[in-house]
Amino acid sequence: MDISTTSEYESGAFNFTDFTNLITDTDDYEPELDGLCSKELVRQFSKNFEPPLYWIIFVVGALGNLLVICIFTTVRNRLKTMTDVYLLNLAVADLIFLGTLPFWATNAAQGWVFHQVICKGVSAAYKINFFASMLLLTCISVDRYIAIVHVTEAHNYKNKRMLHSKITCAFVWLASCILALPEFIFAKVKNIEPQHNSCVMVYSIMDNNRTKVLVLALQICVGFLVPFMVIVLCYSVIIRKLMQARSFEKHKALRVIIAVVAVFVFSQLPLNGYLIIEAGQANNATITDCEVMQRLDMVGQIVKSLAYTHCCLNPILYVFIGVRFQKDLLSLLQCMSCGLGSVENCKLQDTNKKPSVMSDTDTTPVFSL
């Protein structure tokens, strides 16, 4: 029987709705396989693997991103550069994104025990902040390109650039909300098995799965391909510029760039490679072997969790690796040790700081934040 004859598509019986749509139910494949290919092994793997890992990512990522927000709201008086604007928005996006993980950990462990409205809301928040994070990382790359390669122009149009950064962030959030519309529309609580509900994406396949393929294509293009191409292009030009400079800071800046690109590729490439397989399977169900499907389902869970670690690494890569933020973190810790009454002193100290050579300023052609 051809897959187009089925009346409905359900995503993974053991998993949940998220930006990946990684795990699929047997309805994604040949309907004859229902009952022949048991997903119990995969569900058990999900139950044991996902909850503890999600909680670890949640705790570590929340601590890092909360520190970033605390620094911007206490130690620093204002957002001084475009990168500051992007970093604050990135921390907020990552924090909200991480806030959905406890729901998915609960879903993996005992099924969806919340209302369907929460299913749609959490799924949409998940996707909105995922797209926002990827697009903001792209904006940071473009801003670093302007600040390092076009130093004079960056300095001359400093005020306009700050305005442009705020407009860009508003556009990023709006675009992310639009891209998350499928989550509002298709996320539902489904009864997968007796006494076990799951929050999943439910598509009608009367259109031969074109809707699902389109959603996956948007995920791959906007969530990976476009950011990846822009990041690689901007940092390639930056590297060429730094190689021409005679500065002791050059080598550290190059290491930072390599780390940023490497972490982005390492965390996102496996996931998007899997999404390509998922889109191909939705378009033309070629995988029918039960054991292969089970292995792919497990691989999907692993690469999805790997992609989530990017939220933990963003504060380290884009914030705390910079000298200025390291000093700000030290000031924040000193203020916390002295009591809340010292917060104003922290702000006063920040206003008296002179930009370090390794600071992120619009007049200094360096990469460090």
Protein backbone atom coordinates (compact mmCIF):
# COMPACT_ATOMS: atom_id res chain seq x y z
CA MET A 1 0.00 0.00 0.00
CA ASP A 2 1.34 3.45 -0.85
CA ILE A 3 1.80 5.83 2.07
CA SER A 4 -0.37 8.47 0.42
CA THR A 5 -3.44 6.29 1.04
CA THR A 6 -3.25 6.69 4.80
CA SER A 7 -5.53 9.29 6.31
CA GLU A 8 -3.24 10.87 8.83
CA TYR A 9 0.40 11.35 9.77
CA GLU A 10 1.61 11.18 13.30
CA SER A 11 5.10 11.97 14.48
CA GLY A 12 6.95 9.67 16.90
CA ALA A 13 4.77 7.76 19.27
CA PHE A 14 7.45 7.82 21.92
CA ASN A 15 8.57 11.37 21.40
CA PHE A 16 7.20 14.88 21.29
CA THR A 17 6.72 17.87 19.05
CA ASP A 18 9.83 19.93 18.60
CA PHE A 19 11.68 21.80 15.97
CA THR A 20 13.21 18.66 14.56
CA ASN A 21 10.21 16.36 14.01
CA LEU A 22 12.87 13.71 14.26
CA ILE A 23 11.17 10.61 15.56
CA THR A 24 8.44 9.12 13.44
CA ASP A 25 5.65 6.67 14.04
CA THR A 26 5.17 3.68 11.79
CA ASP A 27 2.48 5.67 9.97
CA ASP A 28 5.36 7.49 8.29
CA TYR A 29 6.26 4.30 6.55
CA GLU A 30 4.34 1.47 4.97
CA PRO A 31 1.09 1.00 6.90
CA GLU A 32 1.50 -2.77 6.67
CA LEU A 33 4.34 -2.50 9.14
CA ASP A 34 1.99 -1.45 11.93
CA GLY A 35 2.07 -4.22 14.48
CA LEU A 36 5.08 -5.85 12.80
CA CYS A 37 7.68 -3.23 13.75
CA SER A 38 7.48 -2.68 17.49
CA LYS A 39 8.65 0.69 18.77
CA GLU A 40 8.82 -0.47 22.37
CA LEU A 41 12.63 -0.69 22.31
CA VAL A 42 12.89 2.84 20.98
CA ARG A 43 10.37 4.17 23.52
CA GLN A 44 12.36 2.59 26.32
CA PHE A 45 15.55 4.13 24.96
CA SER A 46 13.83 7.52 24.87
CA LYS A 47 12.55 7.11 28.42
CA ASN A 48 16.01 6.30 29.76
CA PHE A 49 18.09 8.62 27.57
CA GLU A 50 16.20 11.88 27.17
CA PRO A 51 15.00 12.98 30.66
CA PRO A 52 18.37 13.03 32.48
CA LEU A 53 20.16 14.61 29.53
CA TYR A 54 17.48 17.28 29.08
CA TRP A 55 17.65 18.20 32.75
CA ILE A 56 21.45 18.51 32.60
CA ILE A 57 21.25 20.75 29.51
CA PHE A 58 18.51 22.78 31.16
CA VAL A 59 20.46 23.41 34.39
CA VAL A 60 23.82 24.19 32.75
CA GLY A 61 22.33 26.33 29.99
CA ALA A 62 20.04 28.22 32.36
CA LEU A 63 22.93 29.13 34.67
CA GLY A 64 25.07 30.43 31.80
CA ASN A 65 22.34 32.46 30.13
CA LEU A 66 21.04 33.86 33.43
CA LEU A 67 24.56 35.09 34.18
CA VAL A 68 24.62 36.88 30.83
CA ILE A 69 21.30 38.57 31.54
CA CYS A 70 22.44 39.51 35.07
CA ILE A 71 25.57 41.14 33.69
CA PHE A 72 23.59 43.22 31.21
CA THR A 73 21.01 44.28 33.81
CA THR A 74 23.34 44.95 36.75
CA VAL A 75 27.01 45.45 35.90
CA ARG A 76 26.43 47.32 32.65
CA ASN A 77 24.36 50.48 32.49
CA ARG A 78 23.31 50.10 28.88
CA LEU A 79 23.80 48.16 25.69
CA LYS A 80 26.86 49.78 24.15
CA THR A 81 27.26 47.93 20.87
CA MET A 82 25.21 46.02 18.32
CA THR A 83 26.73 42.81 19.60
CA ASP A 84 25.49 43.64 23.11
CA VAL A 85 21.94 43.90 21.73
CA TYR A 86 22.26 40.60 19.90
CA LEU A 87 23.87 38.82 22.86
CA LEU A 88 21.12 39.89 25.25
CA ASN A 89 18.42 38.74 22.83
CA LEU A 90 20.33 35.49 22.25
CA ALA A 91 20.49 34.82 25.99
CA VAL A 92 16.74 35.44 26.32
CA ALA A 93 15.97 33.16 23.35
CA ASP A 94 18.19 30.38 24.66
CA LEU A 95 16.72 30.70 28.14
CA ILE A 96 13.12 30.38 26.92
CA PHE A 97 14.18 27.54 24.63
CA LEU A 98 15.74 25.73 27.60
CA GLY A 99 12.60 26.40 29.64
CA THR A 100 10.65 24.02 27.41
CA LEU A 101 13.01 21.08 28.06
CA PRO A 102 11.42 20.07 31.40
CA PHE A 103 8.12 19.58 29.56
CA TRP A 104 9.77 17.34 26.98
CA ALA A 105 11.66 15.45 29.68
CA THR A 106 8.33 14.75 31.39
CA ASN A 107 6.79 13.74 28.06
CA ALA A 108 9.58 11.27 27.38
CA ALA A 109 9.39 9.78 30.88
CA GLN A 110 5.65 9.44 31.39
CA GLY A 111 3.84 10.85 28.39
CA TRP A 112 2.16 14.22 27.96
CA VAL A 113 0.30 14.97 31.20
CA PHE A 114 -0.52 18.59 30.36
CA HIS A 115 -3.37 20.25 28.47
CA GLN A 116 -3.36 20.48 24.68
CA VAL A 117 -3.09 24.28 24.90
CA ILE A 118 0.19 23.84 26.75
CA CYS A 119 1.27 21.35 24.07
CA LYS A 120 0.77 23.96 21.36
CA GLY A 121 2.29 26.77 23.44
CA VAL A 122 5.39 24.87 24.48
CA SER A 123 5.91 23.51 20.97
CA ALA A 124 5.61 26.99 19.47
CA ALA A 125 7.91 28.54 22.10
CA TYR A 126 10.39 25.79 21.34
CA LYS A 127 10.43 26.57 17.62
CA ILE A 128 10.31 30.38 17.99
CA ASN A 129 13.36 30.50 20.20
CA PHE A 130 15.23 27.94 18.14
CA PHE A 131 14.87 30.05 15.01
CA ALA A 132 15.61 33.23 16.96
CA SER A 133 18.85 31.73 18.29
CA MET A 134 20.05 30.66 14.85
CA LEU A 135 19.19 34.02 13.26
CA LEU A 136 20.81 35.99 16.11
CA LEU A 137 24.02 33.96 15.73
CA THR A 138 23.93 35.02 12.08
CA CYS A 139 23.47 38.67 13.06
CA ILE A 140 26.44 38.47 15.43
CA SER A 141 28.61 37.17 12.58
CA VAL A 142 27.56 40.03 10.30
CA ASP A 143 28.18 42.57 13.07
CA ARG A 144 31.67 41.17 13.71
CA TYR A 145 32.35 41.39 9.99
CA ILE A 146 31.36 45.08 9.92
CA ALA A 147 33.27 45.94 13.11
CA ILE A 148 36.49 44.24 12.01
CA VAL A 149 36.58 44.57 8.23
CA HIS A 150 34.90 47.98 7.93
CA VAL A 151 36.22 49.71 11.03
CA THR A 152 35.87 53.31 9.85
CA GLU A 153 32.31 52.91 8.61
CA ALA A 154 31.37 51.09 11.82
CA HIS A 155 32.65 54.00 13.90
CA ASN A 156 31.09 56.74 11.75
CA TYR A 157 27.65 55.15 11.80
CA LYS A 158 27.70 53.92 15.39
CA ASN A 159 24.35 55.44 16.41
CA LYS A 160 22.60 54.26 13.26
CA ARG A 161 23.99 50.77 13.73
CA MET A 162 22.55 50.60 17.24
CA LEU A 163 19.14 51.54 15.86
CA HIS A 164 19.52 49.00 13.08
CA SER A 165 20.39 46.28 15.60
CA LYS A 166 17.16 46.86 17.53
CA ILE A 167 15.11 46.84 14.32
CA THR A 168 16.90 43.66 13.24
CA CYS A 169 16.10 41.95 16.55
CA ALA A 170 12.44 42.90 16.18
CA PHE A 171 12.47 41.42 12.67
CA VAL A 172 14.17 38.25 13.95
CA TRP A 173 11.48 37.69 16.58
CA LEU A 174 8.68 38.39 14.10
CA ALA A 175 10.16 36.03 11.50
CA SER A 176 10.63 33.34 14.16
CA CYS A 177 6.98 33.62 15.20
CA ILE A 178 5.88 33.24 11.58
CA LEU A 179 8.13 30.23 11.08
CA ALA A 180 6.64 28.65 14.22
CA LEU A 181 3.07 28.82 12.91
CA PRO A 182 3.07 25.09 11.98
CA GLU A 183 3.56 24.31 15.67
CA PHE A 184 0.47 26.31 16.59
CA ILE A 185 -1.54 24.60 13.87
CA PHE A 186 -0.39 20.98 13.91
CA ALA A 187 0.76 20.29 17.50
CA LYS A 188 -1.75 18.05 19.27
CA VAL A 189 -1.98 15.65 22.17
CA LYS A 190 -2.49 12.15 20.76
CA ASN A 191 -3.28 8.92 22.51
CA ILE A 192 -0.44 6.75 21.24
CA GLU A 193 -1.15 3.68 23.32
CA PRO A 194 -3.44 2.84 26.27
CA GLN A 195 -2.94 5.38 29.04
CA HIS A 196 -0.09 7.08 27.20
CA ASN A 197 -0.52 10.47 25.51
CA SER A 198 2.13 12.36 23.60
CA CYS A 199 2.45 15.90 22.26
CA VAL A 200 3.17 15.39 18.56
CA MET A 201 2.84 17.02 15.16
CA VAL A 202 -0.19 15.64 13.34
CA TYR A 203 -0.29 16.38 9.61
CA SER A 204 -2.94 15.47 7.11
CA ILE A 205 -1.24 13.58 4.30
CA MET A 206 -4.01 14.08 1.78
CA ASP A 207 -1.46 16.36 0.08
CA ASN A 208 1.08 13.50 -0.10
CA ASN A 209 3.04 14.87 2.86
CA ARG A 210 3.88 18.12 1.07
CA THR A 211 3.12 20.11 4.25
CA LYS A 212 5.53 18.06 6.32
CA VAL A 213 8.24 18.27 3.67
CA LEU A 214 7.79 22.06 3.48
CA VAL A 215 8.06 22.42 7.27
CA LEU A 216 11.23 20.33 7.30
CA ALA A 217 12.66 22.30 4.37
CA LEU A 218 12.12 25.57 6.24
CA GLN A 219 13.77 24.04 9.31
CA ILE A 220 16.82 22.97 7.31
CA CYS A 221 17.18 26.17 5.26
CA VAL A 222 16.42 28.86 7.86
CA GLY A 223 17.67 26.92 10.86
CA PHE A 224 20.96 25.76 9.38
CA LEU A 225 21.89 26.40 5.75
CA VAL A 226 21.42 30.18 5.70
CA PRO A 227 23.10 30.78 9.12
CA PHE A 228 25.91 28.39 8.22
CA MET A 229 26.67 30.07 4.89
CA VAL A 230 26.58 33.58 6.38
CA ILE A 231 28.74 32.56 9.38
CA VAL A 232 31.34 30.86 7.20
CA LEU A 233 31.43 33.74 4.70
CA CYS A 234 31.75 36.46 7.34
CA TYR A 235 34.38 34.65 9.39
CA SER A 236 36.37 33.72 6.27
CA VAL A 237 36.73 37.41 5.42
CA ILE A 238 37.49 38.22 9.06
CA ILE A 239 40.25 35.59 9.16
CA ARG A 240 41.81 37.02 6.01
CA LYS A 241 41.70 40.48 7.57
CA LEU A 242 43.24 39.29 10.83
CA MET A 243 46.02 37.44 9.01
CA GLN A 244 47.11 40.78 7.55
CA ALA A 245 47.21 42.43 10.96
CA ARG A 246 50.29 42.58 13.15
CA SER A 247 48.84 42.09 16.56
CA PHE A 248 49.38 39.74 19.46
CA GLU A 249 45.59 39.50 19.68
CA LYS A 250 45.34 37.93 16.23
CA HIS A 251 46.01 34.36 17.27
CA LYS A 252 43.46 34.38 20.09
CA ALA A 253 40.86 35.90 17.77
CA LEU A 254 41.50 33.17 15.21
CA ARG A 255 41.09 30.47 17.86
CA VAL A 256 37.79 32.01 18.92
CA ILE A 257 36.51 32.04 15.33
CA ILE A 258 37.53 28.44 14.74
CA ALA A 259 35.80 27.40 17.98
CA VAL A 260 32.60 29.26 17.07
CA VAL A 261 32.35 27.67 13.61
CA ALA A 262 33.41 24.21 14.83
CA VAL A 263 30.82 24.12 17.62
CA PHE A 264 28.07 25.33 15.29
CA VAL A 265 28.87 22.64 12.72
CA PHE A 266 29.40 19.89 15.29
CA SER A 267 26.09 20.54 17.04
CA GLN A 268 23.87 21.37 14.07
CA LEU A 269 25.17 19.38 11.08
CA PRO A 270 24.21 15.89 12.39
CA LEU A 271 20.71 17.10 13.20
CA ASN A 272 20.15 18.64 9.79
CA GLY A 273 21.60 15.61 8.04
CA TYR A 274 18.98 13.57 9.85
CA LEU A 275 16.26 16.06 8.89
CA ILE A 276 17.17 15.58 5.24
CA ILE A 277 16.63 11.84 5.67
CA GLU A 278 13.36 12.61 7.44
CA ALA A 279 12.19 14.85 4.59
CA GLY A 280 13.14 12.23 2.03
CA GLN A 281 11.26 9.58 3.97
CA ALA A 282 8.18 11.80 4.16
CA ASN A 283 8.35 12.48 0.43
CA ASN A 284 8.98 8.87 -0.59
CA ALA A 285 8.95 6.15 2.07
CA THR A 286 11.93 4.09 1.01
CA ILE A 287 12.97 2.74 4.44
CA THR A 288 10.81 -0.24 5.38
CA ASP A 289 13.19 -2.42 7.34
CA CYS A 290 12.07 -2.48 10.98
CA GLU A 291 15.54 -2.69 12.50
CA VAL A 292 16.82 0.18 10.35
CA MET A 293 13.86 2.34 11.39
CA GLN A 294 14.52 1.63 15.05
CA ARG A 295 18.17 2.56 14.72
CA LEU A 296 17.32 5.75 12.87
CA ASP A 297 14.84 6.69 15.59
CA MET A 298 17.52 6.30 18.24
CA VAL A 299 20.06 8.23 16.20
CA GLY A 300 17.47 10.97 15.81
CA GLN A 301 17.16 11.33 19.57
CA ILE A 302 20.93 11.52 19.98
CA VAL A 303 21.57 14.18 17.31
CA LYS A 304 18.62 16.21 18.57
CA SER A 305 20.07 16.26 22.09
CA LEU A 306 23.46 17.16 20.65
CA ALA A 307 21.92 20.19 18.94
CA TYR A 308 20.42 21.34 22.25
CA THR A 309 23.88 21.64 23.82
CA HIS A 310 24.45 24.72 21.67
CA CYS A 311 22.34 26.70 24.16
CA CYS A 312 24.84 25.78 26.89
CA LEU A 313 27.84 26.71 24.77
CA ASN A 314 26.58 30.06 23.45
CA PRO A 315 27.37 31.98 26.68
CA ILE A 316 30.88 30.53 26.72
CA LEU A 317 31.63 31.08 23.03
CA TYR A 318 30.05 34.49 22.56
CA VAL A 319 30.32 36.02 26.02
CA PHE A 320 32.63 34.69 28.69
CA ILE A 321 35.52 34.05 26.34
CA GLY A 322 35.91 37.84 25.95
CA VAL A 323 38.06 39.83 28.36
CA ARG A 324 35.42 42.49 28.94
CA PHE A 325 32.80 39.96 29.96
CA GLN A 326 35.27 38.13 32.15
CA LYS A 327 35.83 41.37 34.06
CA ASP A 328 32.10 42.01 34.21
CA LEU A 329 31.52 38.51 35.60
CA LEU A 330 34.17 39.12 38.26
CA SER A 331 32.48 42.41 39.17
CA LEU A 332 29.11 40.67 39.39
CA LEU A 333 30.50 37.98 41.68
CA GLN A 334 32.09 40.64 43.87
CA CYS A 335 28.78 42.49 44.08
CA MET A 336 26.94 39.30 44.99
CA SER A 337 29.47 38.55 47.72
CA CYS A 338 29.06 42.06 49.13
CA GLY A 339 25.27 42.01 49.00
CA LEU A 340 22.54 43.38 46.77
CA GLY A 341 23.23 46.91 47.97
CA SER A 342 26.42 46.96 45.93
CA VAL A 343 24.69 46.66 42.56
CA GLU A 344 24.79 50.42 42.03
CA ASN A 345 28.51 50.37 42.78
CA CYS A 346 28.90 47.72 40.07
CA LYS A 347 27.23 50.02 37.58
CA LEU A 348 29.41 52.92 38.65
CA GLN A 349 32.55 50.83 38.19
CA ASP A 350 31.40 49.86 34.71
CA THR A 351 30.97 53.49 33.64
CA ASN A 352 34.52 54.25 34.75
CA LYS A 353 36.04 51.36 32.82
CA LYS A 354 38.09 52.13 29.78
CA PRO A 355 37.63 49.74 26.90
CA SER A 356 40.25 47.05 26.88
CA VAL A 357 42.23 46.34 23.74
CA MET A 358 40.36 43.03 23.67
CA SER A 359 37.00 44.66 24.23
CA ASP A 360 34.14 44.57 21.81
CA THR A 361 34.03 48.17 20.64
CA ASP A 362 33.02 49.67 17.39
CA THR A 363 36.43 51.27 16.99
CA THR A 364 38.69 48.31 17.67
CA PRO A 365 39.10 45.72 14.90
CA VAL A 366 39.19 42.62 17.08
CA PHE A 367 36.92 39.66 17.45
CA SER A 368 36.89 39.17 21.18
CA LEU A 369 33.74 40.14 22.96
